[in-house]
Amino acid sequence: MAGDGRREANAATVLRTVLDHGPVSRSAVARLSGLSPAAVSRQATDLTRLGLLRELPEPAGSGGVGRPQIPVDLHLGTGGGPVVAALHLGVPASTLALVDLRGRVLARRRHPHAGIAPDRIPGAVGAELRAFLRRYASGRPLLGVGAAIGGRVDPAAGVVVRHDALGWRHRPFAAELSRALGGPAVRLDNHARAIAQSEILFGRPAARRSLVHLFVGNVVDAAVGLAGVVHRGPGAAAGDVAHLPVPDSTAPCPCGRSGCLEATASNTALERTAVRRGIVPEPDTGLVIDAAAAGDRRADRLLRERARAVGRATALLLDVLNPDLVVVTEQASVLEPSYLEEIRGAAIDHSHVCDDPERIVSPHAGPATLPVAAGTVLLNPLFKRPLETVGELLRGGVFH
C-alpha cells in the first residue's frame, strides 16, 4: 500500500489502538500496532489536528531523564471532543441519544410514536431530534447522525427497502432525516447489523473473529460478522431470519406456515399472548417484564417460554455458522440474566456443535444497546477511514 492509502491505513491503526488501549503513549502505540514511531507520531499529529485525539497532561511523578511520554487518548465528548447523534427508530417509539467516540451515551431521550402515522414519523422524529441536539449538543463538534432501524435497509443509498410493521417500501429515510435536521450527514443501517458492528468495535474481543447477532423485538432479524466485517450480501438483504423455523413451535405466521421465528418470539407475539392470558391490560413488552419482576409467575413463565424458543432458533444458527460468539438482543434477557440462561440452556440442548453456553451473550452495552448501535453506524466508518471520513464531514459543514 502506498501514498494516501498507506496514510489512511496507518491513521486507522493508530486510532483503533488508542480506542483499545488509551490513554497510551505514542511509543506504546508503536509497540502495540507494529508501526514505526515516526509513522505513529505523524498520524497522531493528524488525528489531533482533526480533533479525534488529544494529548493528556503528563502523569504526576513521571519525572526522570529523557523525553517525557505524554499519553494520548480519544478526544471524548465530556472533554469537549466530537459527538455523534444517534437515532434508533423502533415501531412504538424512537430512542434519541448523544454518543462519544468510545460509544458511551452522554444523553438519551425516548420519543413515543403514539398517534403519529407511519408516513409522518420521519418529520416528527427529525423535529424531536433537532430539539434534542439544541439542548444537549450545543457547542459540541457534531460529526453527524447514525440511524438504525429494523427491516431491510440499503446503507449505501440510505433507503429503508422494506419495513413491514411501518408499511414502508423504498423509503429514503436518511435523506428525509437530513432535511428535517437542516443538512447534517446521516448514515443509516439495519439495527441487527448496527448492533453486530458495535460489538466488533466496542465489545468483546471474540466478536472481532466471528459472531452471529440475533435481534428479537417487534422485528426479528440477524447479522453475521467475520474478521471484523458485518456481511450484507447482494442488495444488503442478509440477516432475514423472520421465517427461520423454530423447533416445536406451532405459532401461525402470516406467510401461511407455522412455527416461524418472528411469529413465535417477536414482541408482537409476546404481547398478544400476554393480553390473551390476562397478564397485562394492553400490549406492551415492558409491562410483561415489569410484571415478572414484581413476582407475577404467569409473566415469568411467558418470558421463559419465549427465551426457550429464542434458544432453539439460536441452536440452528450455531449449527450452520459455528461462530466464536452469539449475541442475543432480547429485552428480558438484557435486563434479567436468568432469561439469558434459559436461552443458553435451550440452545445447548438443541445444538449439535456447541457445548459452551458462555459463547451466547447479551450485548455489551446492556440497556444502552440500541443508541450505541445507532451511533456506531457513523462511528464505524470513522474508525476504519478516519482521515477520509472526517474530510467528508468537513465538506458537508457538519464537523466544526
Protein backbone atom coordinates (compact mmCIF):
# COMPACT_ATOMS: atom_id res chain seq x y z
CA MET A 1 0.00 0.00 0.00
CA ALA A 2 1.38 3.39 -0.96
CA GLY A 3 0.61 7.09 -0.76
CA ASP A 4 -2.73 8.17 0.68
CA GLY A 5 -3.85 4.56 1.14
CA ARG A 6 -0.97 3.84 3.48
CA ARG A 7 -1.55 7.11 5.36
CA GLU A 8 -5.25 6.28 5.82
CA ALA A 9 -4.48 2.73 6.96
CA ASN A 10 -1.87 3.96 9.43
CA ALA A 11 -4.25 6.59 10.81
CA ALA A 12 -6.93 3.93 11.31
CA THR A 13 -4.43 1.66 13.06
CA VAL A 14 -3.37 4.43 15.45
CA LEU A 15 -6.97 5.44 16.19
CA ARG A 16 -8.06 1.85 16.83
CA THR A 17 -5.03 1.19 19.06
CA VAL A 18 -5.88 4.24 21.16
CA LEU A 19 -9.50 3.08 21.32
CA ASP A 20 -8.37 -0.29 22.66
CA HIS A 21 -5.59 0.84 24.98
CA GLY A 22 -5.86 4.58 25.64
CA PRO A 23 -4.74 6.66 27.38
CA VAL A 24 -1.45 5.44 25.94
CA SER A 25 1.91 6.93 24.97
CA ARG A 26 2.97 7.20 21.34
CA SER A 27 5.80 4.75 21.95
CA ALA A 28 3.32 2.22 23.32
CA VAL A 29 1.06 2.76 20.29
CA ALA A 30 4.06 1.93 18.07
CA ARG A 31 4.83 -1.21 20.06
CA LEU A 32 1.21 -2.39 20.13
CA SER A 33 0.42 -1.60 16.50
CA GLY A 34 3.69 -2.58 14.81
CA LEU A 35 4.00 0.84 13.17
CA SER A 36 7.23 2.82 13.32
CA PRO A 37 7.48 5.59 15.96
CA ALA A 38 7.74 8.13 13.13
CA ALA A 39 4.53 6.88 11.50
CA VAL A 40 2.69 6.93 14.83
CA SER A 41 3.88 10.47 15.50
CA ARG A 42 2.71 11.68 12.09
CA GLN A 43 -0.71 10.08 12.38
CA ALA A 44 -1.22 11.13 15.99
CA THR A 45 -0.49 14.70 14.91
CA ASP A 46 -3.03 14.46 12.06
CA LEU A 47 -5.69 12.89 14.28
CA THR A 48 -5.12 15.50 16.98
CA ARG A 49 -5.46 18.30 14.42
CA LEU A 50 -8.78 16.80 13.32
CA GLY A 51 -9.99 16.70 16.91
CA LEU A 52 -10.17 12.90 17.23
CA LEU A 53 -7.21 12.55 19.63
CA ARG A 54 -5.90 14.79 22.38
CA GLU A 55 -2.75 14.85 24.45
CA LEU A 56 -3.25 14.42 28.17
CA PRO A 57 -1.22 16.15 30.86
CA GLU A 58 1.98 14.29 31.75
CA PRO A 59 1.22 12.00 34.70
CA ALA A 60 2.30 13.40 38.05
CA GLY A 61 5.51 11.92 39.36
CA SER A 62 6.69 10.86 35.91
CA GLY A 63 9.97 12.71 36.21
CA GLY A 64 13.22 11.24 35.03
CA VAL A 65 15.70 11.54 32.23
CA GLY A 66 14.79 11.51 28.56
CA ARG A 67 11.82 12.80 26.62
CA PRO A 68 8.54 12.67 28.60
CA GLN A 69 5.99 10.06 27.47
CA ILE A 70 2.90 12.22 27.04
CA PRO A 71 -0.17 9.97 26.74
CA VAL A 72 -2.81 10.42 24.06
CA ASP A 73 -6.44 9.39 24.19
CA LEU A 74 -9.60 9.76 22.17
CA HIS A 75 -11.00 13.27 22.40
CA LEU A 76 -14.20 12.46 24.23
CA GLY A 77 -17.40 14.48 24.38
CA THR A 78 -17.06 15.08 28.12
CA GLY A 79 -13.80 16.89 27.36
CA GLY A 80 -15.14 18.98 24.50
CA GLY A 81 -14.46 16.40 21.80
CA PRO A 82 -16.71 15.40 18.90
CA VAL A 83 -20.02 13.61 19.40
CA VAL A 84 -22.46 11.66 17.26
CA ALA A 85 -26.23 11.97 17.27
CA ALA A 86 -27.77 8.50 17.46
CA LEU A 87 -31.29 7.53 16.47
CA HIS A 88 -32.88 4.11 16.81
CA LEU A 89 -36.25 4.12 15.11
CA GLY A 90 -38.47 1.42 16.54
CA VAL A 91 -42.15 0.73 15.94
CA PRO A 92 -43.71 2.08 19.16
CA ALA A 93 -41.02 4.69 19.81
CA SER A 94 -37.65 6.11 18.82
CA THR A 95 -34.60 6.47 21.03
CA LEU A 96 -32.51 9.63 20.60
CA ALA A 97 -29.02 9.86 22.06
CA LEU A 98 -25.68 11.61 22.03
CA VAL A 99 -22.70 9.25 21.85
CA ASP A 100 -18.95 9.89 22.18
CA LEU A 101 -16.04 8.27 20.34
CA ARG A 102 -15.97 5.33 22.78
CA GLY A 103 -19.62 4.58 22.15
CA ARG A 104 -20.68 5.92 25.53
CA VAL A 105 -24.11 7.52 25.84
CA LEU A 106 -23.93 11.12 27.10
CA ALA A 107 -27.65 11.93 26.84
CA ARG A 108 -30.75 9.98 25.88
CA ARG A 109 -34.46 10.50 25.30
CA ARG A 110 -37.37 8.27 24.25
CA HIS A 111 -39.87 9.62 21.73
CA PRO A 112 -43.15 7.63 21.52
CA HIS A 113 -44.85 7.32 18.13
CA ALA A 114 -48.38 7.10 19.52
CA GLY A 115 -50.79 8.98 17.31
CA ILE A 116 -48.22 9.53 14.53
CA ALA A 117 -48.99 7.96 11.15
CA PRO A 118 -46.05 5.95 9.75
CA ASP A 119 -45.66 8.36 6.81
CA ARG A 120 -45.25 11.28 9.23
CA ILE A 121 -42.70 9.60 11.53
CA PRO A 122 -39.57 10.91 9.72
CA GLY A 123 -40.65 14.54 10.06
CA ALA A 124 -41.81 14.13 13.65
CA VAL A 125 -38.66 12.32 14.71
CA GLY A 126 -36.50 14.84 12.86
CA ALA A 127 -38.13 17.73 14.73
CA GLU A 128 -37.69 15.93 18.05
CA LEU A 129 -34.03 15.14 17.30
CA ARG A 130 -33.37 18.73 16.28
CA ALA A 131 -34.72 19.95 19.64
CA PHE A 132 -32.72 17.26 21.45
CA LEU A 133 -29.49 18.36 19.77
CA ARG A 134 -30.13 22.02 20.54
CA ARG A 135 -30.34 21.09 24.20
CA TYR A 136 -27.54 18.53 24.52
CA ALA A 137 -25.13 19.10 21.62
CA SER A 138 -24.95 22.88 21.63
CA GLY A 139 -21.32 23.98 21.46
CA ARG A 140 -20.03 20.45 20.80
CA PRO A 141 -18.48 19.38 17.48
CA LEU A 142 -21.16 17.21 15.88
CA LEU A 143 -19.88 14.56 13.49
CA GLY A 144 -23.30 13.71 12.12
CA VAL A 145 -26.14 11.27 12.72
CA GLY A 146 -26.08 7.48 12.92
CA ALA A 147 -29.50 5.89 12.48
CA ALA A 148 -30.62 2.28 12.87
CA ILE A 149 -33.97 0.68 12.05
CA GLY A 150 -35.39 -2.81 11.60
CA GLY A 151 -36.34 -4.37 8.30
CA ARG A 152 -34.33 -4.47 5.10
CA VAL A 153 -32.06 -1.45 4.71
CA ASP A 154 -29.72 -0.37 1.90
CA PRO A 155 -26.97 1.55 3.74
CA ALA A 156 -25.26 2.84 0.59
CA ALA A 157 -28.47 4.53 -0.59
CA GLY A 158 -29.76 5.42 2.88
CA VAL A 159 -33.04 3.69 1.99
CA VAL A 160 -35.38 1.51 4.02
CA VAL A 161 -36.16 -1.08 1.34
CA ARG A 162 -38.86 -2.85 3.36
CA HIS A 163 -40.25 -2.41 6.85
CA ASP A 164 -43.43 -4.45 7.21
CA ALA A 165 -44.51 -3.12 10.62
CA LEU A 166 -44.41 0.50 9.38
CA GLY A 167 -45.59 -0.32 5.89
CA TRP A 168 -42.54 1.37 4.34
CA ARG A 169 -41.20 0.43 0.92
CA HIS A 170 -38.11 2.06 -0.62
CA ARG A 171 -38.25 4.95 1.82
CA PRO A 172 -35.27 7.39 1.54
CA PHE A 173 -35.17 7.80 5.31
CA ALA A 174 -31.59 9.11 5.57
CA ALA A 175 -32.32 11.95 3.14
CA GLU A 176 -35.64 12.76 4.85
CA LEU A 177 -33.97 12.90 8.26
CA SER A 178 -31.11 15.04 6.97
CA ARG A 179 -33.58 17.55 5.50
CA ALA A 180 -35.58 17.65 8.74
CA LEU A 181 -32.38 18.38 10.68
CA GLY A 182 -31.12 21.05 8.29
CA GLY A 183 -28.46 19.11 6.43
CA PRO A 184 -26.10 17.08 8.66
CA ALA A 185 -24.70 13.80 7.34
CA VAL A 186 -26.96 10.84 8.16
CA ARG A 187 -25.72 7.24 7.93
CA LEU A 188 -28.39 4.52 8.05
CA ASP A 189 -28.27 0.76 8.58
CA ASN A 190 -30.33 -2.16 9.80
CA HIS A 191 -30.34 -2.37 13.60
CA ALA A 192 -29.18 -6.01 13.76
CA ARG A 193 -26.11 -5.16 11.66
CA ALA A 194 -25.54 -2.00 13.69
CA ILE A 195 -25.52 -3.92 16.97
CA ALA A 196 -23.19 -6.53 15.49
CA GLN A 197 -20.82 -3.78 14.39
CA SER A 198 -20.94 -2.13 17.81
CA GLU A 199 -19.94 -5.47 19.37
CA ILE A 200 -16.98 -5.68 16.96
CA LEU A 201 -15.93 -2.07 17.61
CA PHE A 202 -16.55 -1.73 21.35
CA GLY A 203 -17.39 -5.19 22.71
CA ARG A 204 -15.72 -8.50 23.47
CA PRO A 205 -12.55 -9.44 21.56
CA ALA A 206 -14.14 -12.68 20.29
CA ALA A 207 -16.61 -10.61 18.27
CA ARG A 208 -13.76 -9.48 16.01
CA ARG A 209 -13.13 -13.07 14.95
CA SER A 210 -16.69 -14.15 14.20
CA LEU A 211 -20.13 -13.52 15.59
CA VAL A 212 -23.82 -14.01 14.93
CA HIS A 213 -26.23 -11.44 16.28
CA LEU A 214 -29.92 -12.28 16.74
CA PHE A 215 -32.31 -9.38 17.36
CA VAL A 216 -35.71 -10.19 18.87
CA GLY A 217 -38.09 -7.24 19.12
CA ASN A 218 -41.11 -6.14 17.11
CA VAL A 219 -38.92 -7.12 14.17
CA VAL A 220 -36.80 -10.30 14.30
CA ASP A 221 -33.61 -10.30 12.24
CA ALA A 222 -29.94 -11.23 12.42
CA ALA A 223 -26.43 -10.28 11.33
CA VAL A 224 -23.19 -12.16 10.73
CA GLY A 225 -19.69 -10.75 11.26
CA LEU A 226 -16.45 -12.35 10.09
CA ALA A 227 -12.96 -10.94 10.72
CA GLY A 228 -14.40 -7.61 11.83
CA VAL A 229 -16.73 -7.14 8.85
CA VAL A 230 -20.52 -7.43 9.03
CA HIS A 231 -21.88 -9.26 5.99
CA ARG A 232 -24.57 -7.52 3.93
CA GLY A 233 -24.87 -9.68 0.83
CA PRO A 234 -26.36 -8.67 -2.54
CA GLY A 235 -28.91 -5.93 -2.08
CA ALA A 236 -27.93 -5.69 1.63
CA ALA A 237 -30.51 -8.43 2.24
CA ALA A 238 -28.52 -10.69 4.59
CA GLY A 239 -29.99 -11.38 8.02
CA ASP A 240 -33.66 -12.03 7.24
CA VAL A 241 -34.45 -14.78 9.75
CA ALA A 242 -38.09 -13.87 10.44
CA HIS A 243 -39.19 -17.15 8.87
CA LEU A 244 -36.49 -19.36 10.35
CA PRO A 245 -38.34 -22.43 11.70
CA VAL A 246 -38.41 -22.80 15.47
CA PRO A 247 -38.40 -26.47 16.53
CA ASP A 248 -41.65 -27.47 18.32
CA SER A 249 -43.40 -24.13 17.58
CA THR A 250 -46.88 -24.21 16.06
CA ALA A 251 -47.50 -20.45 16.02
CA PRO A 252 -49.30 -19.44 12.80
CA CYS A 253 -47.43 -17.00 10.60
CA PRO A 254 -48.89 -14.52 8.04
CA CYS A 255 -46.69 -16.22 5.43
CA GLY A 256 -49.04 -19.24 5.61
CA ARG A 257 -46.71 -21.54 7.50
CA SER A 258 -46.42 -22.16 11.23
CA GLY A 259 -43.51 -22.07 13.64
CA CYS A 260 -41.67 -19.11 12.06
CA LEU A 261 -39.33 -17.27 14.43
CA GLU A 262 -40.97 -13.84 14.22
CA ALA A 263 -44.48 -15.26 14.64
CA THR A 264 -43.27 -17.29 17.63
CA ALA A 265 -40.95 -14.93 19.51
CA SER A 266 -41.43 -11.30 18.45
CA ASN A 267 -42.61 -8.64 20.89
CA THR A 268 -45.89 -8.55 18.97
CA ALA A 269 -46.42 -12.28 19.54
CA LEU A 270 -45.42 -12.00 23.21
CA GLU A 271 -47.75 -9.06 23.82
CA ARG A 272 -50.69 -10.74 22.10
CA THR A 273 -50.29 -13.81 24.30
CA ALA A 274 -49.85 -11.72 27.45
CA VAL A 275 -53.09 -9.82 26.82
CA ARG A 276 -54.98 -13.03 25.95
CA ARG A 277 -53.80 -14.66 29.20
CA GLY A 278 -54.79 -11.60 31.24
CA ILE A 279 -51.22 -10.88 32.34
CA VAL A 280 -51.26 -7.23 31.17
CA PRO A 281 -54.17 -4.97 30.16
CA GLU A 282 -52.56 -3.70 26.95
CA PRO A 283 -49.90 -4.95 24.51
CA ASP A 284 -46.59 -3.74 25.95
CA THR A 285 -43.50 -5.92 26.38
CA GLY A 286 -42.18 -3.61 29.09
CA LEU A 287 -45.33 -4.23 31.16
CA VAL A 288 -44.82 -8.00 30.86
CA ILE A 289 -41.21 -7.67 32.05
CA ASP A 290 -42.29 -5.38 34.91
CA ALA A 291 -44.98 -7.88 35.94
CA ALA A 292 -42.43 -10.70 36.04
CA ALA A 293 -40.03 -8.58 38.09
CA ALA A 294 -42.87 -7.87 40.55
CA GLY A 295 -43.40 -11.61 41.05
CA ASP A 296 -46.15 -12.46 38.54
CA ARG A 297 -45.47 -16.13 37.79
CA ARG A 298 -47.56 -16.08 34.63
CA ALA A 299 -45.45 -13.26 33.19
CA ASP A 300 -42.26 -15.04 34.20
CA ARG A 301 -43.47 -18.27 32.61
CA LEU A 302 -44.32 -16.47 29.36
CA LEU A 303 -40.89 -14.80 29.19
CA ARG A 304 -39.21 -18.13 29.80
CA GLU A 305 -41.29 -19.73 27.03
CA ARG A 306 -40.06 -17.04 24.66
CA ALA A 307 -36.47 -17.39 25.86
CA ARG A 308 -36.53 -21.14 25.14
CA ALA A 309 -37.96 -20.52 21.66
CA VAL A 310 -35.18 -17.99 21.01
CA GLY A 311 -32.68 -20.55 22.29
CA ARG A 312 -33.93 -23.22 19.89
CA ALA A 313 -33.55 -20.79 16.98
CA THR A 314 -30.10 -19.84 18.26
CA ALA A 315 -29.11 -23.51 18.09
CA LEU A 316 -29.89 -23.55 14.37
CA LEU A 317 -27.67 -20.51 13.79
CA LEU A 318 -24.90 -22.08 15.88
CA ASP A 319 -25.01 -25.29 13.86
CA VAL A 320 -24.92 -23.51 10.50
CA LEU A 321 -22.27 -20.88 11.27
CA ASN A 322 -20.45 -22.05 14.44
CA PRO A 323 -19.27 -18.51 15.37
CA ASP A 324 -16.96 -17.60 18.23
CA LEU A 325 -19.79 -15.55 19.75
CA VAL A 326 -23.59 -15.38 19.55
CA VAL A 327 -25.03 -12.08 20.72
CA VAL A 328 -28.76 -12.13 21.50
CA THR A 329 -30.63 -8.85 21.84
CA GLU A 330 -33.89 -9.70 23.59
CA GLN A 331 -35.29 -7.21 26.08
CA ALA A 332 -35.98 -9.51 29.03
CA SER A 333 -32.61 -11.30 28.87
CA VAL A 334 -30.74 -7.99 28.59
CA LEU A 335 -32.37 -6.83 31.84
CA GLU A 336 -32.50 -10.14 33.74
CA PRO A 337 -29.69 -12.73 33.42
CA SER A 338 -31.95 -15.68 34.29
CA TYR A 339 -33.71 -15.33 30.92
CA LEU A 340 -30.34 -15.41 29.16
CA GLU A 341 -29.70 -18.69 30.99
CA GLU A 342 -32.96 -20.05 29.53
CA ILE A 343 -31.78 -19.08 26.04
CA ARG A 344 -28.40 -20.70 26.66
CA GLY A 345 -29.94 -23.88 28.02
CA ALA A 346 -32.31 -24.37 25.09
CA ALA A 347 -29.54 -23.59 22.59
CA ILE A 348 -27.11 -26.08 24.11
CA ASP A 349 -29.83 -28.74 24.34
CA HIS A 350 -30.64 -28.43 20.63
CA SER A 351 -27.24 -27.60 19.10
CA HIS A 352 -25.11 -30.34 17.58
CA VAL A 353 -21.86 -28.31 17.59
CA CYS A 354 -21.89 -26.08 20.66
CA ASP A 355 -21.49 -27.27 24.23
CA ASP A 356 -20.21 -23.94 25.64
CA PRO A 357 -23.06 -21.72 26.89
CA GLU A 358 -20.63 -18.83 27.51
CA ARG A 359 -20.48 -18.30 23.74
CA ILE A 360 -24.06 -16.97 23.96
CA VAL A 361 -24.16 -13.47 25.45
CA SER A 362 -26.23 -10.32 25.73
CA PRO A 363 -24.91 -7.13 24.08
CA HIS A 364 -22.03 -5.44 25.88
CA ALA A 365 -23.91 -2.12 26.20
CA GLY A 366 -26.86 -3.61 28.09
CA PRO A 367 -29.91 -1.29 28.17
CA ALA A 368 -27.98 1.27 26.07
CA THR A 369 -27.54 -1.24 23.21
CA LEU A 370 -29.81 0.46 20.68
CA PRO A 371 -28.46 4.04 20.94
CA VAL A 372 -24.87 2.77 20.99
CA ALA A 373 -25.56 0.70 17.88
CA ALA A 374 -27.14 3.64 16.10
CA GLY A 375 -24.12 5.80 16.89
CA THR A 376 -21.85 3.02 15.62
CA VAL A 377 -23.43 3.33 12.16
CA LEU A 378 -21.46 6.58 11.84
CA LEU A 379 -18.53 5.73 14.13
CA ASN A 380 -17.58 2.52 12.33
CA PRO A 381 -16.52 4.21 9.05
CA LEU A 382 -14.76 6.85 11.13
CA PHE A 383 -12.53 4.24 12.80
CA LYS A 384 -11.93 2.44 9.51
CA ARG A 385 -11.10 5.56 7.44
CA PRO A 386 -10.68 8.48 9.85
CA LEU A 387 -8.99 10.96 7.50
CA GLU A 388 -11.37 10.34 4.60
CA THR A 389 -14.49 10.24 6.78
CA VAL A 390 -13.73 13.44 8.66
CA GLY A 391 -12.88 15.04 5.32
CA GLU A 392 -16.35 14.13 4.02
CA LEU A 393 -17.98 15.60 7.11
CA LEU A 394 -15.89 18.76 6.87
CA ARG A 395 -17.01 19.21 3.27
CA GLY A 396 -20.59 18.79 4.43
CA GLY A 397 -20.10 21.50 7.01
CA VAL A 398 -21.03 19.24 9.91
CA PHE A 399 -17.74 18.72 11.78
CA HIS A 400 -16.77 22.07 13.35
